[in-house]
N, C-alpha and C. Protein backbone atom coordinates (compact mmCIF):
# COMPACT_ATOMS: atom_id res chain seq x y z
N UNK A 1 -8.67 -13.35 15.39
CA UNK A 1 -8.19 -12.34 14.47
C UNK A 1 -9.07 -12.41 13.22
N UNK A 2 -9.55 -11.25 12.77
CA UNK A 2 -10.36 -11.19 11.56
C UNK A 2 -9.45 -10.92 10.37
N UNK A 3 -9.50 -11.80 9.39
CA UNK A 3 -8.71 -11.69 8.16
C UNK A 3 -9.67 -11.37 7.03
N UNK A 4 -9.40 -10.29 6.32
CA UNK A 4 -10.26 -9.90 5.22
C UNK A 4 -11.25 -8.85 5.68
N UNK A 5 -12.13 -8.47 4.81
CA UNK A 5 -12.39 -8.99 3.47
C UNK A 5 -11.44 -8.39 2.43
N UNK A 6 -11.57 -8.90 1.22
CA UNK A 6 -10.80 -8.35 0.12
C UNK A 6 -11.54 -8.59 -1.19
N UNK A 7 -11.01 -8.03 -2.24
CA UNK A 7 -11.59 -8.17 -3.56
C UNK A 7 -11.36 -9.59 -4.09
N UNK A 8 -12.23 -10.08 -4.97
CA UNK A 8 -12.13 -11.46 -5.45
C UNK A 8 -10.74 -11.84 -6.00
N UNK A 9 -10.06 -10.91 -6.64
CA UNK A 9 -8.75 -11.19 -7.22
C UNK A 9 -7.71 -11.59 -6.16
N UNK A 10 -7.91 -11.15 -4.91
CA UNK A 10 -6.95 -11.43 -3.84
C UNK A 10 -7.42 -12.55 -2.90
N UNK A 11 -8.52 -13.21 -3.22
CA UNK A 11 -9.09 -14.20 -2.31
C UNK A 11 -8.11 -15.34 -2.03
N UNK A 12 -7.37 -15.79 -3.03
CA UNK A 12 -6.39 -16.86 -2.82
C UNK A 12 -5.31 -16.46 -1.84
N UNK A 13 -4.80 -15.24 -1.97
CA UNK A 13 -3.79 -14.74 -1.03
C UNK A 13 -4.37 -14.58 0.37
N UNK A 14 -5.64 -14.17 0.45
CA UNK A 14 -6.28 -14.01 1.75
C UNK A 14 -6.40 -15.36 2.46
N UNK A 15 -6.80 -16.39 1.72
CA UNK A 15 -6.91 -17.72 2.30
C UNK A 15 -5.54 -18.22 2.75
N UNK A 16 -4.52 -17.95 1.96
CA UNK A 16 -3.15 -18.35 2.34
C UNK A 16 -2.71 -17.61 3.61
N UNK A 17 -2.95 -16.32 3.67
CA UNK A 17 -2.62 -15.54 4.86
C UNK A 17 -3.30 -16.12 6.10
N UNK A 18 -4.57 -16.46 5.96
CA UNK A 18 -5.32 -17.04 7.08
C UNK A 18 -4.69 -18.37 7.51
N UNK A 19 -4.25 -19.18 6.55
CA UNK A 19 -3.65 -20.48 6.90
C UNK A 19 -2.31 -20.29 7.60
N UNK A 20 -1.53 -19.31 7.18
CA UNK A 20 -0.25 -19.04 7.83
C UNK A 20 -0.48 -18.56 9.26
N UNK A 21 -1.42 -17.66 9.46
CA UNK A 21 -1.72 -17.17 10.80
C UNK A 21 -2.24 -18.29 11.70
N UNK A 22 -3.05 -19.19 11.13
CA UNK A 22 -3.53 -20.34 11.89
C UNK A 22 -2.36 -21.23 12.30
N UNK A 23 -1.44 -21.48 11.35
CA UNK A 23 -0.26 -22.29 11.65
C UNK A 23 0.60 -21.66 12.75
N UNK A 24 0.57 -20.33 12.84
CA UNK A 24 1.33 -19.63 13.88
C UNK A 24 0.61 -19.63 15.23
N UNK A 25 -0.60 -20.17 15.26
CA UNK A 25 -1.32 -20.29 16.53
C UNK A 25 -2.43 -19.28 16.75
N UNK A 26 -2.69 -18.42 15.78
CA UNK A 26 -3.78 -17.46 15.93
C UNK A 26 -5.12 -18.14 15.63
N UNK A 27 -6.16 -17.69 16.34
CA UNK A 27 -7.52 -18.13 16.00
C UNK A 27 -8.02 -17.15 14.95
N UNK A 28 -8.28 -17.65 13.77
CA UNK A 28 -8.58 -16.80 12.62
C UNK A 28 -10.01 -16.98 12.16
N UNK A 29 -10.65 -15.85 11.89
CA UNK A 29 -11.95 -15.83 11.24
C UNK A 29 -11.76 -15.10 9.92
N UNK A 30 -12.17 -15.73 8.83
CA UNK A 30 -12.04 -15.11 7.51
C UNK A 30 -13.35 -14.43 7.15
N UNK A 31 -13.27 -13.15 6.83
CA UNK A 31 -14.42 -12.41 6.32
C UNK A 31 -14.39 -12.56 4.81
N UNK A 32 -15.27 -13.37 4.27
CA UNK A 32 -15.27 -13.69 2.85
C UNK A 32 -16.01 -12.71 1.97
N UNK A 33 -16.38 -11.56 2.49
CA UNK A 33 -17.09 -10.54 1.70
C UNK A 33 -16.25 -10.17 0.49
N UNK A 34 -16.86 -10.13 -0.71
CA UNK A 34 -16.11 -9.79 -1.92
C UNK A 34 -16.77 -8.68 -2.75
N UNK A 35 -17.93 -8.16 -2.31
CA UNK A 35 -18.54 -7.06 -3.07
C UNK A 35 -17.98 -5.73 -2.55
N UNK A 36 -17.81 -4.79 -3.44
CA UNK A 36 -17.17 -3.51 -3.10
C UNK A 36 -17.81 -2.83 -1.89
N UNK A 37 -19.13 -2.72 -1.88
CA UNK A 37 -19.81 -2.02 -0.79
C UNK A 37 -19.54 -2.72 0.55
N UNK A 38 -19.61 -4.03 0.55
CA UNK A 38 -19.37 -4.79 1.78
C UNK A 38 -17.93 -4.66 2.26
N UNK A 39 -16.99 -4.68 1.31
CA UNK A 39 -15.57 -4.55 1.66
C UNK A 39 -15.30 -3.19 2.30
N UNK A 40 -15.74 -2.12 1.64
CA UNK A 40 -15.49 -0.78 2.16
C UNK A 40 -16.21 -0.56 3.49
N UNK A 41 -17.39 -1.14 3.66
CA UNK A 41 -18.11 -1.02 4.93
C UNK A 41 -17.34 -1.74 6.04
N UNK A 42 -16.80 -2.91 5.75
CA UNK A 42 -16.03 -3.65 6.76
C UNK A 42 -14.77 -2.88 7.14
N UNK A 43 -14.08 -2.34 6.15
CA UNK A 43 -12.86 -1.57 6.44
C UNK A 43 -13.20 -0.33 7.28
N UNK A 44 -14.28 0.35 6.91
CA UNK A 44 -14.66 1.56 7.64
C UNK A 44 -15.08 1.26 9.08
N UNK A 45 -15.61 0.06 9.31
CA UNK A 45 -16.07 -0.31 10.65
C UNK A 45 -14.92 -0.51 11.63
N UNK A 46 -13.72 -0.77 11.10
CA UNK A 46 -12.57 -0.99 11.96
C UNK A 46 -12.43 -2.42 12.47
N UNK A 47 -13.32 -3.32 12.03
CA UNK A 47 -13.25 -4.69 12.52
C UNK A 47 -12.21 -5.54 11.79
N UNK A 48 -11.76 -5.08 10.62
CA UNK A 48 -10.74 -5.81 9.88
C UNK A 48 -9.39 -5.59 10.55
N UNK A 49 -8.72 -6.68 10.88
CA UNK A 49 -7.42 -6.57 11.53
C UNK A 49 -6.27 -6.77 10.56
N UNK A 50 -6.49 -7.57 9.53
CA UNK A 50 -5.45 -7.79 8.52
C UNK A 50 -6.15 -8.23 7.24
N UNK A 51 -5.61 -7.80 6.12
CA UNK A 51 -6.19 -8.17 4.84
C UNK A 51 -5.12 -8.11 3.76
N UNK A 52 -5.52 -8.46 2.57
CA UNK A 52 -4.65 -8.37 1.41
C UNK A 52 -5.35 -7.48 0.40
N UNK A 53 -4.64 -6.47 -0.07
CA UNK A 53 -5.25 -5.54 -1.02
C UNK A 53 -4.16 -4.98 -1.91
N UNK A 54 -4.50 -4.67 -3.13
CA UNK A 54 -3.57 -4.03 -4.05
C UNK A 54 -3.94 -2.57 -4.21
N UNK A 55 -2.96 -1.78 -4.52
CA UNK A 55 -3.22 -0.35 -4.67
C UNK A 55 -2.19 0.24 -5.60
N UNK A 56 -2.65 1.04 -6.53
CA UNK A 56 -1.77 1.78 -7.43
C UNK A 56 -2.20 3.23 -7.41
N UNK A 57 -1.25 4.14 -7.41
CA UNK A 57 -1.61 5.56 -7.37
C UNK A 57 -2.09 6.05 -8.73
N UNK A 58 -2.92 7.06 -8.71
CA UNK A 58 -3.32 7.69 -9.97
C UNK A 58 -2.33 8.77 -10.38
N UNK A 59 -1.64 9.35 -9.41
CA UNK A 59 -0.62 10.36 -9.67
C UNK A 59 0.62 9.96 -8.87
N UNK A 60 1.76 9.95 -9.51
CA UNK A 60 2.99 9.53 -8.83
C UNK A 60 3.56 10.69 -8.02
N UNK A 61 3.03 10.83 -6.82
CA UNK A 61 3.48 11.87 -5.90
C UNK A 61 3.44 11.30 -4.48
N UNK A 62 4.34 11.74 -3.61
CA UNK A 62 4.33 11.23 -2.23
C UNK A 62 2.98 11.41 -1.55
N UNK A 63 2.33 12.52 -1.81
CA UNK A 63 1.04 12.78 -1.16
C UNK A 63 0.01 11.71 -1.54
N UNK A 64 0.06 11.22 -2.76
CA UNK A 64 -0.88 10.20 -3.22
C UNK A 64 -0.67 8.89 -2.47
N UNK A 65 0.58 8.53 -2.23
CA UNK A 65 0.87 7.31 -1.51
C UNK A 65 0.56 7.46 -0.02
N UNK A 66 0.98 8.55 0.57
CA UNK A 66 0.93 8.68 2.02
C UNK A 66 -0.43 9.11 2.56
N UNK A 67 -1.32 9.60 1.70
CA UNK A 67 -2.67 9.94 2.16
C UNK A 67 -3.39 8.70 2.67
N UNK A 68 -3.00 7.55 2.15
CA UNK A 68 -3.56 6.28 2.58
C UNK A 68 -3.41 6.07 4.08
N UNK A 69 -2.40 6.69 4.67
CA UNK A 69 -2.07 6.46 6.07
C UNK A 69 -2.53 7.57 7.00
N UNK A 70 -3.26 8.54 6.48
CA UNK A 70 -3.71 9.65 7.31
C UNK A 70 -5.06 9.33 7.95
N UNK A 71 -5.34 10.02 9.04
CA UNK A 71 -6.63 9.87 9.72
C UNK A 71 -7.73 10.37 8.78
N UNK A 72 -8.67 9.53 8.48
CA UNK A 72 -9.77 9.95 7.62
C UNK A 72 -9.41 10.11 6.17
N UNK A 73 -8.24 9.61 5.75
CA UNK A 73 -7.85 9.68 4.34
C UNK A 73 -8.78 8.82 3.50
N UNK A 74 -8.63 8.94 2.19
CA UNK A 74 -9.51 8.22 1.28
C UNK A 74 -9.61 6.73 1.57
N UNK A 75 -8.49 6.13 1.97
CA UNK A 75 -8.46 4.69 2.20
C UNK A 75 -8.11 4.37 3.64
N UNK A 76 -8.35 5.29 4.56
CA UNK A 76 -7.92 5.09 5.94
C UNK A 76 -8.55 3.86 6.58
N UNK A 77 -9.69 3.41 6.07
CA UNK A 77 -10.31 2.21 6.62
C UNK A 77 -9.48 0.96 6.41
N UNK A 78 -8.60 0.98 5.41
CA UNK A 78 -7.74 -0.18 5.17
C UNK A 78 -6.75 -0.34 6.31
N UNK A 79 -6.16 0.75 6.72
CA UNK A 79 -5.12 0.67 7.73
C UNK A 79 -5.64 0.80 9.15
N UNK A 80 -6.77 1.47 9.32
CA UNK A 80 -7.31 1.73 10.66
C UNK A 80 -6.26 2.32 11.58
N UNK A 81 -5.44 3.17 11.03
CA UNK A 81 -4.39 3.84 11.80
C UNK A 81 -4.71 5.32 11.82
N UNK A 82 -4.54 5.93 12.97
CA UNK A 82 -4.72 7.37 13.06
C UNK A 82 -3.65 7.90 14.00
N UNK A 83 -2.69 8.61 13.45
CA UNK A 83 -1.59 9.17 14.22
C UNK A 83 -1.57 10.67 13.98
N UNK A 84 -1.91 11.44 14.98
CA UNK A 84 -2.03 12.90 14.84
C UNK A 84 -0.71 13.53 14.39
N UNK A 85 0.41 13.04 14.89
CA UNK A 85 1.71 13.59 14.49
C UNK A 85 1.99 13.30 13.02
N UNK A 86 1.61 12.12 12.56
CA UNK A 86 1.77 11.77 11.16
C UNK A 86 0.95 12.72 10.29
N UNK A 87 -0.30 12.95 10.71
CA UNK A 87 -1.18 13.85 9.95
C UNK A 87 -0.63 15.27 9.89
N UNK A 88 -0.10 15.74 11.01
CA UNK A 88 0.46 17.10 11.04
C UNK A 88 1.67 17.20 10.11
N UNK A 89 2.51 16.17 10.12
CA UNK A 89 3.68 16.16 9.23
C UNK A 89 3.25 16.07 7.77
N UNK A 90 2.19 15.33 7.50
CA UNK A 90 1.64 15.22 6.15
C UNK A 90 1.17 16.59 5.65
N UNK A 91 0.41 17.29 6.48
CA UNK A 91 -0.08 18.62 6.11
C UNK A 91 1.08 19.60 5.89
N UNK A 92 2.09 19.50 6.74
CA UNK A 92 3.27 20.37 6.61
C UNK A 92 3.98 20.11 5.28
N UNK A 93 4.14 18.85 4.92
CA UNK A 93 4.79 18.51 3.65
C UNK A 93 3.97 19.04 2.46
N UNK A 94 2.65 18.92 2.55
CA UNK A 94 1.79 19.46 1.49
C UNK A 94 2.00 20.96 1.33
N UNK A 95 2.07 21.67 2.44
CA UNK A 95 2.26 23.12 2.40
C UNK A 95 3.62 23.50 1.83
N UNK A 96 4.64 22.72 2.18
CA UNK A 96 5.99 23.00 1.69
C UNK A 96 6.10 22.85 0.17
N UNK A 97 5.27 22.00 -0.42
CA UNK A 97 5.33 21.79 -1.86
C UNK A 97 5.14 23.08 -2.65
N UNK A 98 4.38 24.00 -2.09
CA UNK A 98 4.10 25.24 -2.82
C UNK A 98 5.14 26.33 -2.57
N UNK A 99 5.97 26.14 -1.54
CA UNK A 99 6.92 27.21 -1.19
C UNK A 99 8.39 26.81 -1.28
N UNK A 100 8.69 25.53 -0.98
CA UNK A 100 10.09 25.10 -0.93
C UNK A 100 10.17 23.63 -1.33
N UNK A 101 10.38 23.42 -2.62
CA UNK A 101 10.37 22.05 -3.18
C UNK A 101 11.40 21.15 -2.50
N UNK A 102 12.59 21.62 -2.25
CA UNK A 102 13.64 20.80 -1.64
C UNK A 102 13.25 20.41 -0.21
N UNK A 103 12.71 21.34 0.54
CA UNK A 103 12.27 21.04 1.90
C UNK A 103 11.09 20.07 1.88
N UNK A 104 10.23 20.19 0.87
CA UNK A 104 9.10 19.28 0.75
C UNK A 104 9.58 17.85 0.50
N UNK A 105 10.56 17.69 -0.37
CA UNK A 105 11.11 16.36 -0.65
C UNK A 105 11.67 15.74 0.63
N UNK A 106 12.40 16.52 1.41
CA UNK A 106 12.94 16.04 2.68
C UNK A 106 11.81 15.68 3.65
N UNK A 107 10.76 16.49 3.68
CA UNK A 107 9.64 16.23 4.58
C UNK A 107 8.90 14.96 4.18
N UNK A 108 8.72 14.75 2.86
CA UNK A 108 8.07 13.51 2.40
C UNK A 108 8.92 12.30 2.75
N UNK A 109 10.23 12.40 2.59
CA UNK A 109 11.12 11.28 2.92
C UNK A 109 11.04 10.96 4.41
N UNK A 110 11.03 11.99 5.24
CA UNK A 110 10.92 11.78 6.69
C UNK A 110 9.59 11.12 7.05
N UNK A 111 8.54 11.54 6.35
CA UNK A 111 7.21 10.97 6.60
C UNK A 111 7.17 9.50 6.18
N UNK A 112 7.81 9.19 5.07
CA UNK A 112 7.90 7.81 4.62
C UNK A 112 8.61 6.95 5.67
N UNK A 113 9.70 7.47 6.21
CA UNK A 113 10.44 6.75 7.26
C UNK A 113 9.56 6.56 8.50
N UNK A 114 8.78 7.58 8.84
CA UNK A 114 7.90 7.48 10.01
C UNK A 114 6.86 6.38 9.79
N UNK A 115 6.30 6.31 8.59
CA UNK A 115 5.30 5.27 8.29
C UNK A 115 5.92 3.88 8.45
N UNK A 116 7.16 3.72 7.99
CA UNK A 116 7.85 2.43 8.13
C UNK A 116 8.10 2.14 9.60
N UNK A 117 8.58 3.13 10.34
CA UNK A 117 8.86 2.94 11.76
C UNK A 117 7.60 2.56 12.55
N UNK A 118 6.45 3.10 12.15
CA UNK A 118 5.19 2.79 12.82
C UNK A 118 4.57 1.49 12.30
N UNK A 119 5.17 0.90 11.27
CA UNK A 119 4.67 -0.34 10.66
C UNK A 119 3.19 -0.21 10.29
N UNK A 120 2.85 0.87 9.61
CA UNK A 120 1.47 1.13 9.25
C UNK A 120 0.96 0.16 8.19
N UNK A 121 1.86 -0.31 7.33
CA UNK A 121 1.54 -1.30 6.29
C UNK A 121 2.67 -2.31 6.23
N UNK A 122 2.35 -3.47 5.73
CA UNK A 122 3.38 -4.49 5.51
C UNK A 122 3.29 -4.93 4.04
N UNK A 123 4.05 -4.30 3.17
CA UNK A 123 3.98 -4.64 1.75
C UNK A 123 4.41 -6.08 1.49
N UNK A 124 3.67 -6.76 0.64
CA UNK A 124 4.02 -8.12 0.24
C UNK A 124 4.77 -8.14 -1.08
N UNK A 125 4.45 -7.19 -1.95
CA UNK A 125 5.03 -7.14 -3.27
C UNK A 125 5.46 -5.71 -3.54
N UNK A 126 6.61 -5.57 -4.14
CA UNK A 126 7.11 -4.26 -4.50
C UNK A 126 7.44 -4.28 -5.98
N UNK A 127 6.53 -3.83 -6.84
CA UNK A 127 6.78 -3.87 -8.28
C UNK A 127 8.08 -3.17 -8.66
N UNK A 128 8.70 -3.68 -9.67
CA UNK A 128 9.94 -3.09 -10.15
C UNK A 128 11.15 -3.93 -9.80
N UNK A 129 10.95 -4.98 -9.03
CA UNK A 129 12.05 -5.87 -8.68
C UNK A 129 12.07 -7.02 -9.68
N UNK A 130 12.27 -6.68 -10.94
CA UNK A 130 12.27 -7.68 -12.01
C UNK A 130 13.67 -8.26 -12.20
N UNK A 131 13.72 -9.51 -12.57
CA UNK A 131 14.98 -10.16 -12.89
C UNK A 131 14.94 -10.51 -14.37
N UNK A 132 15.97 -10.14 -15.08
CA UNK A 132 16.02 -10.42 -16.51
C UNK A 132 17.35 -11.10 -16.85
N UNK A 133 17.35 -11.78 -17.95
CA UNK A 133 18.54 -12.46 -18.44
C UNK A 133 19.58 -11.44 -18.91
N UNK A 134 20.83 -11.88 -18.95
CA UNK A 134 21.90 -11.02 -19.50
C UNK A 134 21.63 -10.69 -20.95
N UNK A 135 20.82 -11.49 -21.61
CA UNK A 135 20.52 -11.29 -23.03
C UNK A 135 19.51 -10.16 -23.25
N UNK A 136 18.88 -9.69 -22.20
CA UNK A 136 17.89 -8.61 -22.33
C UNK A 136 18.61 -7.27 -22.29
N UNK A 137 18.28 -6.44 -23.24
CA UNK A 137 18.86 -5.10 -23.28
C UNK A 137 17.79 -4.04 -23.15
N UNK A 138 18.21 -2.86 -22.73
CA UNK A 138 17.35 -1.69 -22.61
C UNK A 138 16.15 -1.91 -21.69
N UNK A 139 16.37 -2.62 -20.58
CA UNK A 139 15.30 -2.79 -19.61
C UNK A 139 14.98 -1.44 -19.00
N UNK A 140 13.70 -1.10 -18.98
CA UNK A 140 13.24 0.14 -18.35
C UNK A 140 12.02 -0.16 -17.51
N UNK A 141 11.93 0.52 -16.38
CA UNK A 141 10.79 0.34 -15.48
C UNK A 141 10.09 1.68 -15.30
N UNK A 142 8.77 1.65 -15.39
CA UNK A 142 7.95 2.83 -15.17
C UNK A 142 7.08 2.58 -13.95
N UNK A 143 7.07 3.48 -12.96
CA UNK A 143 6.21 3.29 -11.80
C UNK A 143 4.73 3.19 -12.17
N UNK A 144 4.35 3.77 -13.27
CA UNK A 144 2.95 3.74 -13.68
C UNK A 144 2.61 2.50 -14.50
N UNK A 145 3.56 2.02 -15.31
CA UNK A 145 3.25 0.93 -16.24
C UNK A 145 4.10 -0.31 -16.03
N UNK A 146 4.97 -0.30 -15.04
CA UNK A 146 5.89 -1.39 -14.70
C UNK A 146 6.89 -1.60 -15.85
N UNK A 147 7.29 -2.84 -16.11
CA UNK A 147 8.32 -3.09 -17.13
C UNK A 147 7.80 -2.64 -18.50
N UNK A 148 8.63 -1.88 -19.20
CA UNK A 148 8.24 -1.39 -20.53
C UNK A 148 8.71 -2.40 -21.57
N UNK A 149 7.86 -3.38 -21.81
CA UNK A 149 8.23 -4.49 -22.69
C UNK A 149 8.56 -4.03 -24.10
N UNK A 150 7.89 -2.99 -24.57
CA UNK A 150 8.13 -2.54 -25.94
C UNK A 150 9.48 -1.84 -26.10
N UNK A 151 10.17 -1.58 -25.00
CA UNK A 151 11.49 -0.94 -25.07
C UNK A 151 12.64 -1.95 -24.97
N UNK A 152 12.34 -3.17 -24.62
CA UNK A 152 13.37 -4.19 -24.43
C UNK A 152 13.69 -4.90 -25.73
N UNK A 153 14.88 -5.47 -25.74
CA UNK A 153 15.25 -6.36 -26.83
C UNK A 153 15.97 -7.57 -26.24
N UNK A 154 15.94 -8.67 -26.97
CA UNK A 154 16.59 -9.90 -26.51
C UNK A 154 17.60 -10.29 -27.57
N UNK A 155 18.79 -10.61 -27.12
CA UNK A 155 19.87 -10.97 -28.04
C UNK A 155 19.89 -12.47 -28.24
């Protein structure tokens, strides 16, 4: 099993993932490439089987998140998944956004469920699951900026 490559910031997690897979009995080869061009080339080649990568959207919209999972999408090399039905549903949801907002929301939700059912990604971290003391007041979370520290107070 080929693990990696990934960006330097995730190298520690990549090494840990490789050790866990080895402990589970897999024969693991770590691709230690850390330069952007090499990483994207490896992902595009389809030889990467599992890796660790972080991703944040530039626009908070379902299409921004789910394009990652489409055939030939901007980051499709990360997932190496191509499901024609998923792509068709993605295009349909995009079209609905301009004509029927409520139907589009339902279509995006269904597409999200399909991605989970197909196990296209396995998230390790889900930002926004913060734990705070009872003494913290006015906790607010922003999908773009995470915990809004300047809005909190401590008693």
